[in-house]
Amino acid sequence: MATWHADENKRKAIGDEYEDLFPQQVNCHCGGAFVFVGNVKRGFPDFTCDNCGQLADVKSSPQSERTGNIAVSQIPWDNYPDDMLLVTNIGGQWLGAYKRHIDLGSVSRAPTHAQAGRFASTRFYLIGWRQFRSLNLLGYKVSK
């Protein structure tokens, strides 16, 4: 197992890096700014637009480019609204898809390890990001 995956703090730091970049580099299709709301309640999407309310959840991991998949916990995913935008950054490019457009045929459930008995094993959907589109093509304003 890769050391980044075994260390909860390293996994969080990787996710935090992209969560910090997203609102700096991406504006909503309506022109509004994305505001972090991921701490509103457990399993809530990371961001909402301050103008139109568009929800976005940012996912990243070092193996995503190699495997072609991003992992999303089952319980939040099942509760996300269909118009929530799932976002990742691959090779420096912001990509995304609305939940309602994600091909469920390319989603597989995979269990992950429980952490030293602290938590029950979490189930994840492995979602192929190759079906995602550039956020520019989806009408979002991306700058670097």
Protein backbone atom coordinates (compact mmCIF):
# COMPACT_ATOMS: atom_id res chain seq x y z
CA MET A 1 0.00 0.00 0.00
CA ALA A 2 1.35 3.43 -0.90
CA THR A 3 2.44 5.49 2.07
CA TRP A 4 0.17 8.42 1.16
CA HIS A 5 -2.84 6.09 1.25
CA ALA A 6 -1.96 4.60 4.62
CA ASP A 7 -1.60 8.03 6.24
CA GLU A 8 -4.90 9.80 6.93
CA ASN A 9 -3.15 13.17 7.29
CA LYS A 10 -1.38 12.85 3.92
CA ARG A 11 -4.66 11.92 2.20
CA LYS A 12 -6.34 14.95 3.76
CA ALA A 13 -3.44 17.25 2.77
CA ILE A 14 -3.70 16.14 -0.88
CA GLY A 15 -7.44 16.79 -0.94
CA ASP A 16 -7.02 20.13 0.84
CA GLU A 17 -4.51 21.30 -1.77
CA TYR A 18 -7.05 20.91 -4.59
CA GLU A 19 -9.89 22.25 -2.47
CA ASP A 20 -7.78 25.39 -1.91
CA LEU A 21 -7.04 25.76 -5.65
CA PHE A 22 -10.59 25.20 -6.91
CA PRO A 23 -12.22 28.49 -5.78
CA GLN A 24 -9.08 30.40 -6.82
CA GLN A 25 -9.10 28.99 -10.34
CA VAL A 26 -12.76 28.24 -11.12
CA ASN A 27 -15.85 30.47 -11.20
CA CYS A 28 -19.37 29.22 -11.72
CA HIS A 29 -21.10 29.25 -15.11
CA CYS A 30 -23.23 32.14 -13.79
CA GLY A 31 -20.13 34.18 -12.95
CA GLY A 32 -20.43 33.64 -9.19
CA ALA A 33 -17.64 32.54 -6.88
CA PHE A 34 -17.42 29.11 -5.28
CA VAL A 35 -17.51 29.21 -1.48
CA PHE A 36 -16.38 26.31 0.73
CA VAL A 37 -19.33 24.73 2.56
CA GLY A 38 -17.89 21.25 3.08
CA ASN A 39 -18.00 21.63 6.84
CA VAL A 40 -21.75 22.42 6.95
CA LYS A 41 -22.50 18.76 7.61
CA ARG A 42 -20.80 15.42 7.12
CA GLY A 43 -20.98 14.21 3.52
CA PHE A 44 -22.02 17.59 2.11
CA PRO A 45 -20.44 18.70 -1.19
CA ASP A 46 -17.35 20.91 -0.80
CA PHE A 47 -18.54 24.09 -2.53
CA THR A 48 -21.57 26.13 -3.49
CA CYS A 49 -21.80 29.11 -5.83
CA ASP A 50 -22.46 32.36 -3.96
CA ASN A 51 -24.80 33.48 -6.76
CA CYS A 52 -26.83 30.55 -8.09
CA GLY A 53 -26.24 27.84 -5.45
CA GLN A 54 -24.56 25.32 -7.80
CA LEU A 55 -23.00 22.56 -5.67
CA ALA A 56 -19.58 21.12 -6.50
CA ASP A 57 -17.56 18.35 -4.87
CA VAL A 58 -13.81 18.24 -5.54
CA LYS A 59 -12.06 14.85 -5.53
CA SER A 60 -8.39 14.06 -6.03
CA SER A 61 -5.80 11.41 -5.31
CA PRO A 62 -2.32 10.63 -6.62
CA GLN A 63 -3.43 7.42 -8.33
CA SER A 64 -6.33 9.00 -10.28
CA GLU A 65 -4.29 9.76 -13.39
CA ARG A 66 -2.90 6.22 -13.46
CA THR A 67 -6.12 4.33 -12.70
CA GLY A 68 -8.61 6.61 -14.46
CA ASN A 69 -10.86 6.51 -11.39
CA ILE A 70 -11.77 8.77 -8.51
CA ALA A 71 -13.28 7.39 -5.32
CA VAL A 72 -16.46 8.85 -3.83
CA SER A 73 -17.90 7.55 -0.57
CA GLN A 74 -21.17 5.75 -1.15
CA ILE A 75 -23.33 7.50 1.44
CA PRO A 76 -22.62 11.09 0.37
CA TRP A 77 -22.86 10.11 -3.31
CA ASP A 78 -26.26 8.49 -2.81
CA ASN A 79 -27.49 11.71 -1.16
CA TYR A 80 -26.03 14.22 -3.62
CA PRO A 81 -28.59 16.00 -5.82
CA ASP A 82 -28.55 15.08 -9.52
CA ASP A 83 -27.31 18.55 -10.51
CA MET A 84 -24.25 18.42 -8.20
CA LEU A 85 -20.99 18.88 -10.16
CA LEU A 86 -18.27 16.31 -9.42
CA VAL A 87 -14.85 17.83 -10.12
CA THR A 88 -11.26 16.58 -10.33
CA ASN A 89 -7.96 17.99 -11.53
CA ILE A 90 -6.00 15.77 -13.90
CA GLY A 91 -2.70 16.97 -15.33
CA GLY A 92 -3.46 20.53 -14.25
CA GLN A 93 -6.84 20.59 -16.01
CA TRP A 94 -10.14 20.94 -14.15
CA LEU A 95 -12.62 18.29 -15.31
CA GLY A 96 -16.15 17.61 -14.17
CA ALA A 97 -19.54 16.04 -14.75
CA TYR A 98 -22.97 16.51 -13.25
CA LYS A 99 -24.07 13.53 -11.17
CA ARG A 100 -27.07 12.94 -13.48
CA HIS A 101 -24.71 12.57 -16.47
CA ILE A 102 -22.24 10.17 -14.88
CA ASP A 103 -22.55 6.78 -16.51
CA LEU A 104 -23.43 4.38 -13.72
CA GLY A 105 -22.21 1.54 -15.91
CA SER A 106 -18.71 2.80 -15.25
CA VAL A 107 -19.21 2.95 -11.49
CA SER A 108 -18.15 0.05 -9.31
CA ARG A 109 -18.50 -0.35 -5.58
CA ALA A 110 -15.27 -1.14 -3.80
CA PRO A 111 -14.73 -1.60 -0.08
CA THR A 112 -11.75 0.08 1.56
CA HIS A 113 -9.87 -0.82 4.69
CA ALA A 114 -11.11 0.07 8.15
CA GLN A 115 -8.60 2.15 10.07
CA ALA A 116 -7.34 0.14 13.01
CA GLY A 117 -10.88 -0.65 14.09
CA ARG A 118 -11.81 3.04 14.54
CA PHE A 119 -14.32 3.03 11.71
CA ALA A 120 -16.32 0.45 9.86
CA SER A 121 -15.15 -0.24 6.35
CA THR A 122 -16.39 2.49 4.02
CA ARG A 123 -17.78 1.64 0.60
CA PHE A 124 -16.73 3.78 -2.33
CA TYR A 125 -17.86 4.24 -5.88
CA LEU A 126 -14.93 4.18 -8.28
CA ILE A 127 -15.94 6.64 -10.97
CA GLY A 128 -14.09 6.82 -14.27
CA TRP A 129 -13.06 10.45 -14.80
CA ARG A 130 -12.52 9.94 -18.56
CA GLN A 131 -16.25 10.59 -19.01
CA PHE A 132 -15.76 14.06 -17.46
CA ARG A 133 -15.39 17.21 -19.59
CA SER A 134 -13.26 20.30 -19.24
CA LEU A 135 -15.01 22.77 -16.95
CA ASN A 136 -14.48 25.39 -19.68
CA LEU A 137 -16.60 23.27 -22.04
CA LEU A 138 -19.29 23.02 -19.35
CA GLY A 139 -19.47 26.82 -19.20
CA TYR A 140 -17.38 27.41 -16.08
CA LYS A 141 -14.72 30.14 -16.02
CA VAL A 142 -11.29 28.58 -15.41
CA SER A 143 -8.15 30.64 -14.90
CA LYS A 144 -4.67 29.73 -13.74
